[in-house]
């Protein structure tokens, strides 16, 4: 699944109840975590690892779009 598909299907990602209960902390930290992951991705040569980091970023963005209002 690529980045666009993950974001397009954000509402289909199953989330634990805790994701909605502790959304404040996630919403507060996500921009910093995302920035760190993007930096890490820039340091990595392995395309599989880079793709994995990109999927994590996309999943985080998708979850953020659902829980951070």
PDB file of N, CA and C in Angstrom:
ATOM      1  N   UNK A   1       0.850  -1.173   0.000  1.00  0.00           N
ATOM      2  CA  UNK A   1       0.000   0.000   0.000  1.00  0.00           C
ATOM      3  C   UNK A   1       0.894   1.235   0.000  1.00  0.00           C
ATOM      4  N   UNK A   2       0.649   2.153  -0.910  1.00  0.00           N
ATOM      5  CA  UNK A   2       1.483   3.345  -0.973  1.00  0.00           C
ATOM      6  C   UNK A   2       0.882   4.484  -0.147  1.00  0.00           C
ATOM      7  N   UNK A   3       1.603   5.580  -0.091  1.00  0.00           N
ATOM      8  CA  UNK A   3       1.217   6.729   0.727  1.00  0.00           C
ATOM      9  C   UNK A   3      -0.177   7.232   0.385  1.00  0.00           C
ATOM     10  N   UNK A   4      -0.470   7.402  -0.883  1.00  0.00           N
ATOM     11  CA  UNK A   4      -1.777   7.926  -1.299  1.00  0.00           C
ATOM     12  C   UNK A   4      -2.904   6.985  -0.879  1.00  0.00           C
ATOM     13  N   UNK A   5      -2.674   5.685  -1.017  1.00  0.00           N
ATOM     14  CA  UNK A   5      -3.698   4.713  -0.637  1.00  0.00           C
ATOM     15  C   UNK A   5      -3.946   4.742   0.869  1.00  0.00           C
ATOM     16  N   UNK A   6      -2.896   4.871   1.643  1.00  0.00           N
ATOM     17  CA  UNK A   6      -3.037   4.925   3.099  1.00  0.00           C
ATOM     18  C   UNK A   6      -3.848   6.150   3.490  1.00  0.00           C
ATOM     19  N   UNK A   7      -3.492   7.306   2.948  1.00  0.00           N
ATOM     20  CA  UNK A   7      -4.207   8.533   3.283  1.00  0.00           C
ATOM     21  C   UNK A   7      -5.660   8.477   2.795  1.00  0.00           C
ATOM     22  N   UNK A   8      -5.872   7.913   1.619  1.00  0.00           N
ATOM     23  CA  UNK A   8      -7.214   7.802   1.060  1.00  0.00           C
ATOM     24  C   UNK A   8      -8.092   6.895   1.924  1.00  0.00           C
ATOM     25  N   UNK A   9      -7.495   5.898   2.533  1.00  0.00           N
ATOM     26  CA  UNK A   9      -8.235   4.927   3.336  1.00  0.00           C
ATOM     27  C   UNK A   9      -8.076   5.145   4.836  1.00  0.00           C
ATOM     28  N   UNK A  10      -7.797   6.372   5.230  1.00  0.00           N
ATOM     29  CA  UNK A  10      -7.569   6.683   6.645  1.00  0.00           C
ATOM     30  C   UNK A  10      -8.724   6.227   7.530  1.00  0.00           C
ATOM     31  N   UNK A  11      -9.933   6.361   7.052  1.00  0.00           N
ATOM     32  CA  UNK A  11     -11.097   5.983   7.861  1.00  0.00           C
ATOM     33  C   UNK A  11     -11.239   4.478   8.025  1.00  0.00           C
ATOM     34  N   UNK A  12     -10.508   3.708   7.241  1.00  0.00           N
ATOM     35  CA  UNK A  12     -10.581   2.256   7.331  1.00  0.00           C
ATOM     36  C   UNK A  12      -9.495   1.666   8.233  1.00  0.00           C
ATOM     37  N   UNK A  13      -8.633   2.499   8.769  1.00  0.00           N
ATOM     38  CA  UNK A  13      -7.586   2.011   9.670  1.00  0.00           C
ATOM     39  C   UNK A  13      -8.222   1.737  11.024  1.00  0.00           C
ATOM     40  N   UNK A  14      -8.117   0.509  11.480  1.00  0.00           N
ATOM     41  CA  UNK A  14      -8.663   0.143  12.790  1.00  0.00           C
ATOM     42  C   UNK A  14      -7.789   0.731  13.881  1.00  0.00           C
ATOM     43  N   UNK A  15      -8.430   1.428  14.806  1.00  0.00           N
ATOM     44  CA  UNK A  15      -7.703   2.056  15.901  1.00  0.00           C
ATOM     45  C   UNK A  15      -8.209   1.540  17.235  1.00  0.00           C
ATOM     46  N   UNK A  16      -7.288   1.410  18.168  1.00  0.00           N
ATOM     47  CA  UNK A  16      -7.662   1.070  19.528  1.00  0.00           C
ATOM     48  C   UNK A  16      -8.416   2.247  20.129  1.00  0.00           C
ATOM     49  N   UNK A  17      -9.263   1.974  21.088  1.00  0.00           N
ATOM     50  CA  UNK A  17     -10.015   3.013  21.782  1.00  0.00           C
ATOM     51  C   UNK A  17      -9.071   4.056  22.380  1.00  0.00           C
ATOM     52  N   UNK A  18      -7.905   3.612  22.828  1.00  0.00           N
ATOM     53  CA  UNK A  18      -6.916   4.504  23.442  1.00  0.00           C
ATOM     54  C   UNK A  18      -6.454   5.602  22.485  1.00  0.00           C
ATOM     55  N   UNK A  19      -6.506   5.342  21.187  1.00  0.00           N
ATOM     56  CA  UNK A  19      -6.085   6.360  20.209  1.00  0.00           C
ATOM     57  C   UNK A  19      -6.957   7.602  20.328  1.00  0.00           C
ATOM     58  N   UNK A  20      -8.219   7.405  20.631  1.00  0.00           N
ATOM     59  CA  UNK A  20      -9.133   8.533  20.761  1.00  0.00           C
ATOM     60  C   UNK A  20      -9.096   9.131  22.164  1.00  0.00           C
ATOM     61  N   UNK A  21      -8.776   8.289  23.148  1.00  0.00           N
ATOM     62  CA  UNK A  21      -8.734   8.757  24.530  1.00  0.00           C
ATOM     63  C   UNK A  21      -7.483   9.576  24.828  1.00  0.00           C
ATOM     64  N   UNK A  22      -6.378   9.241  24.173  1.00  0.00           N
ATOM     65  CA  UNK A  22      -5.124   9.964  24.430  1.00  0.00           C
ATOM     66  C   UNK A  22      -4.704  10.783  23.215  1.00  0.00           C
ATOM     67  N   UNK A  23      -5.666  11.244  22.467  1.00  0.00           N
ATOM     68  CA  UNK A  23      -5.377  11.967  21.228  1.00  0.00           C
ATOM     69  C   UNK A  23      -4.566  13.234  21.461  1.00  0.00           C
ATOM     70  N   UNK A  24      -4.760  13.894  22.601  1.00  0.00           N
ATOM     71  CA  UNK A  24      -4.043  15.131  22.870  1.00  0.00           C
ATOM     72  C   UNK A  24      -2.536  14.944  22.814  1.00  0.00           C
ATOM     73  N   UNK A  25      -2.064  13.886  23.446  1.00  0.00           N
ATOM     74  CA  UNK A  25      -0.618  13.628  23.476  1.00  0.00           C
ATOM     75  C   UNK A  25      -0.120  13.277  22.076  1.00  0.00           C
ATOM     76  N   UNK A  26      -0.860  12.405  21.375  1.00  0.00           N
ATOM     77  CA  UNK A  26      -0.466  12.035  20.016  1.00  0.00           C
ATOM     78  C   UNK A  26      -0.436  13.270  19.116  1.00  0.00           C
ATOM     79  N   UNK A  27      -1.490  14.061  19.184  1.00  0.00           N
ATOM     80  CA  UNK A  27      -1.593  15.245  18.326  1.00  0.00           C
ATOM     81  C   UNK A  27      -0.490  16.255  18.630  1.00  0.00           C
ATOM     82  N   UNK A  28      -0.106  16.311  19.884  1.00  0.00           N
ATOM     83  CA  UNK A  28       0.976  17.213  20.295  1.00  0.00           C
ATOM     84  C   UNK A  28       2.328  16.720  19.780  1.00  0.00           C
ATOM     85  N   UNK A  29       2.548  15.414  19.842  1.00  0.00           N
ATOM     86  CA  UNK A  29       3.854  14.852  19.496  1.00  0.00           C
ATOM     87  C   UNK A  29       4.027  14.525  18.013  1.00  0.00           C
ATOM     88  N   UNK A  30       2.935  14.248  17.299  1.00  0.00           N
ATOM     89  CA  UNK A  30       3.059  13.760  15.930  1.00  0.00           C
ATOM     90  C   UNK A  30       3.907  14.660  15.030  1.00  0.00           C
ATOM     91  N   UNK A  31       3.740  15.982  15.014  1.00  0.00           N
ATOM     92  CA  UNK A  31       4.580  16.797  14.115  1.00  0.00           C
ATOM     93  C   UNK A  31       6.081  16.616  14.374  1.00  0.00           C
ATOM     94  N   UNK A  32       6.469  16.480  15.626  1.00  0.00           N
ATOM     95  CA  UNK A  32       7.883  16.294  15.962  1.00  0.00           C
ATOM     96  C   UNK A  32       8.350  14.901  15.572  1.00  0.00           C
ATOM     97  N   UNK A  33       7.526  13.901  15.845  1.00  0.00           N
ATOM     98  CA  UNK A  33       7.869  12.527  15.472  1.00  0.00           C
ATOM     99  C   UNK A  33       7.998  12.417  13.957  1.00  0.00           C
ATOM    100  N   UNK A  34       7.054  13.024  13.247  1.00  0.00           N
ATOM    101  CA  UNK A  34       7.094  12.990  11.781  1.00  0.00           C
ATOM    102  C   UNK A  34       8.387  13.629  11.259  1.00  0.00           C
ATOM    103  N   UNK A  35       8.749  14.759  11.825  1.00  0.00           N
ATOM    104  CA  UNK A  35       9.986  15.426  11.410  1.00  0.00           C
ATOM    105  C   UNK A  35      11.200  14.532  11.654  1.00  0.00           C
ATOM    106  N   UNK A  36      11.213  13.857  12.802  1.00  0.00           N
ATOM    107  CA  UNK A  36      12.318  12.939  13.107  1.00  0.00           C
ATOM    108  C   UNK A  36      12.372  11.779  12.133  1.00  0.00           C
ATOM    109  N   UNK A  37      11.221  11.217  11.800  1.00  0.00           N
ATOM    110  CA  UNK A  37      11.185  10.118  10.840  1.00  0.00           C
ATOM    111  C   UNK A  37      11.640  10.574   9.458  1.00  0.00           C
ATOM    112  N   UNK A  38      11.270  11.771   9.068  1.00  0.00           N
ATOM    113  CA  UNK A  38      11.704  12.301   7.771  1.00  0.00           C
ATOM    114  C   UNK A  38      13.216  12.499   7.751  1.00  0.00           C
ATOM    115  N   UNK A  39      13.773  12.973   8.849  1.00  0.00           N
ATOM    116  CA  UNK A  39      15.234  13.098   8.941  1.00  0.00           C
ATOM    117  C   UNK A  39      15.903  11.735   8.834  1.00  0.00           C
ATOM    118  N   UNK A  40      15.371  10.773   9.580  1.00  0.00           N
ATOM    119  CA  UNK A  40      15.911   9.417   9.557  1.00  0.00           C
ATOM    120  C   UNK A  40      15.854   8.833   8.160  1.00  0.00           C
ATOM    121  N   UNK A  41      14.732   9.030   7.482  1.00  0.00           N
ATOM    122  CA  UNK A  41      14.575   8.522   6.116  1.00  0.00           C
ATOM    123  C   UNK A  41      15.654   9.093   5.195  1.00  0.00           C
ATOM    124  N   UNK A  42      16.017  10.342   5.402  1.00  0.00           N
ATOM    125  CA  UNK A  42      17.052  10.970   4.586  1.00  0.00           C
ATOM    126  C   UNK A  42      18.445  10.400   4.820  1.00  0.00           C
ATOM    127  N   UNK A  43      18.650   9.761   5.967  1.00  0.00           N
ATOM    128  CA  UNK A  43      19.958   9.197   6.290  1.00  0.00           C
ATOM    129  C   UNK A  43      20.120   7.752   5.797  1.00  0.00           C
ATOM    130  N   UNK A  44      19.023   7.103   5.510  1.00  0.00           N
ATOM    131  CA  UNK A  44      19.017   5.680   5.175  1.00  0.00           C
ATOM    132  C   UNK A  44      19.200   5.481   3.675  1.00  0.00           C
ATOM    133  N   UNK A  45      20.035   4.501   3.297  1.00  0.00           N
ATOM    134  CA  UNK A  45      20.224   4.159   1.889  1.00  0.00           C
ATOM    135  C   UNK A  45      19.302   3.026   1.452  1.00  0.00           C
ATOM    136  N   UNK A  46      19.049   2.078   2.326  1.00  0.00           N
ATOM    137  CA  UNK A  46      18.285   0.893   1.991  1.00  0.00           C
ATOM    138  C   UNK A  46      16.861   1.271   1.570  1.00  0.00           C
ATOM    139  N   UNK A  47      16.475   0.938   0.327  1.00  0.00           N
ATOM    140  CA  UNK A  47      15.152   1.340  -0.169  1.00  0.00           C
ATOM    141  C   UNK A  47      13.994   0.680   0.585  1.00  0.00           C
ATOM    142  N   UNK A  48      14.194  -0.488   1.106  1.00  0.00           N
ATOM    143  CA  UNK A  48      13.131  -1.161   1.862  1.00  0.00           C
ATOM    144  C   UNK A  48      12.902  -0.450   3.185  1.00  0.00           C
ATOM    145  N   UNK A  49      13.971  -0.074   3.845  1.00  0.00           N
ATOM    146  CA  UNK A  49      13.848   0.657   5.104  1.00  0.00           C
ATOM    147  C   UNK A  49      13.239   2.031   4.849  1.00  0.00           C
ATOM    148  N   UNK A  50      13.675   2.691   3.778  1.00  0.00           N
ATOM    149  CA  UNK A  50      13.115   4.003   3.432  1.00  0.00           C
ATOM    150  C   UNK A  50      11.603   3.892   3.188  1.00  0.00           C
ATOM    151  N   UNK A  51      11.196   2.862   2.461  1.00  0.00           N
ATOM    152  CA  UNK A  51       9.776   2.659   2.182  1.00  0.00           C
ATOM    153  C   UNK A  51       8.999   2.377   3.470  1.00  0.00           C
ATOM    154  N   UNK A  52       9.611   1.636   4.375  1.00  0.00           N
ATOM    155  CA  UNK A  52       8.963   1.338   5.656  1.00  0.00           C
ATOM    156  C   UNK A  52       8.748   2.606   6.462  1.00  0.00           C
ATOM    157  N   UNK A  53       9.734   3.476   6.466  1.00  0.00           N
ATOM    158  CA  UNK A  53       9.609   4.747   7.189  1.00  0.00           C
ATOM    159  C   UNK A  53       8.519   5.595   6.539  1.00  0.00           C
ATOM    160  N   UNK A  54       8.467   5.589   5.215  1.00  0.00           N
ATOM    161  CA  UNK A  54       7.438   6.349   4.498  1.00  0.00           C
ATOM    162  C   UNK A  54       6.038   5.838   4.853  1.00  0.00           C
ATOM    163  N   UNK A  55       5.894   4.516   4.981  1.00  0.00           N
ATOM    164  CA  UNK A  55       4.605   3.941   5.371  1.00  0.00           C
ATOM    165  C   UNK A  55       4.239   4.381   6.783  1.00  0.00           C
ATOM    166  N   UNK A  56       5.209   4.395   7.690  1.00  0.00           N
ATOM    167  CA  UNK A  56       4.947   4.857   9.059  1.00  0.00           C
ATOM    168  C   UNK A  56       4.485   6.313   9.067  1.00  0.00           C
ATOM    169  N   UNK A  57       5.151   7.137   8.289  1.00  0.00           N
ATOM    170  CA  UNK A  57       4.770   8.551   8.210  1.00  0.00           C
ATOM    171  C   UNK A  57       3.353   8.678   7.655  1.00  0.00           C
ATOM    172  N   UNK A  58       3.049   7.927   6.615  1.00  0.00           N
ATOM    173  CA  UNK A  58       1.708   7.979   6.019  1.00  0.00           C
ATOM    174  C   UNK A  58       0.650   7.503   6.996  1.00  0.00           C
ATOM    175  N   UNK A  59       0.939   6.440   7.719  1.00  0.00           N
ATOM    176  CA  UNK A  59      -0.014   5.935   8.712  1.00  0.00           C
ATOM    177  C   UNK A  59      -0.218   6.969   9.815  1.00  0.00           C
ATOM    178  N   UNK A  60       0.861   7.596  10.263  1.00  0.00           N
ATOM    179  CA  UNK A  60       0.751   8.643  11.278  1.00  0.00           C
ATOM    180  C   UNK A  60      -0.075   9.815  10.792  1.00  0.00           C
ATOM    181  N   UNK A  61       0.138  10.220   9.545  1.00  0.00           N
ATOM    182  CA  UNK A  61      -0.652  11.314   8.966  1.00  0.00           C
ATOM    183  C   UNK A  61      -2.131  10.925   8.878  1.00  0.00           C
ATOM    184  N   UNK A  62      -2.388   9.690   8.467  1.00  0.00           N
ATOM    185  CA  UNK A  62      -3.771   9.225   8.347  1.00  0.00           C
ATOM    186  C   UNK A  62      -4.455   9.197   9.709  1.00  0.00           C
ATOM    187  N   UNK A  63      -3.767   8.684  10.711  1.00  0.00           N
ATOM    188  CA  UNK A  63      -4.333   8.643  12.056  1.00  0.00           C
ATOM    189  C   UNK A  63      -4.528  10.055  12.582  1.00  0.00           C
ATOM    190  N   UNK A  64      -3.553  10.909  12.333  1.00  0.00           N
ATOM    191  CA  UNK A  64      -3.657  12.297  12.763  1.00  0.00           C
ATOM    192  C   UNK A  64      -4.889  12.970  12.151  1.00  0.00           C
ATOM    193  N   UNK A  65      -5.163  12.672  10.891  1.00  0.00           N
ATOM    194  CA  UNK A  65      -6.319  13.282  10.236  1.00  0.00           C
ATOM    195  C   UNK A  65      -7.635  12.819  10.864  1.00  0.00           C
ATOM    196  N   UNK A  66      -7.603  11.668  11.535  1.00  0.00           N
ATOM    197  CA  UNK A  66      -8.819  11.153  12.172  1.00  0.00           C
ATOM    198  C   UNK A  66      -8.981  11.601  13.614  1.00  0.00           C
ATOM    199  N   UNK A  67      -7.896  11.645  14.350  1.00  0.00           N
ATOM    200  CA  UNK A  67      -8.031  11.892  15.796  1.00  0.00           C
ATOM    201  C   UNK A  67      -7.693  13.322  16.214  1.00  0.00           C
ATOM    202  N   UNK A  68      -6.977  14.045  15.398  1.00  0.00           N
ATOM    203  CA  UNK A  68      -6.575  15.410  15.756  1.00  0.00           C
ATOM    204  C   UNK A  68      -7.532  16.408  15.093  1.00  0.00           C
ATOM    205  N   UNK A  69      -8.496  16.824  15.810  1.00  0.00           N
ATOM    206  CA  UNK A  69      -9.498  17.751  15.259  1.00  0.00           C
ATOM    207  C   UNK A  69      -9.286  19.132  15.808  1.00  0.00           C
TER     208      UNK A  69
END
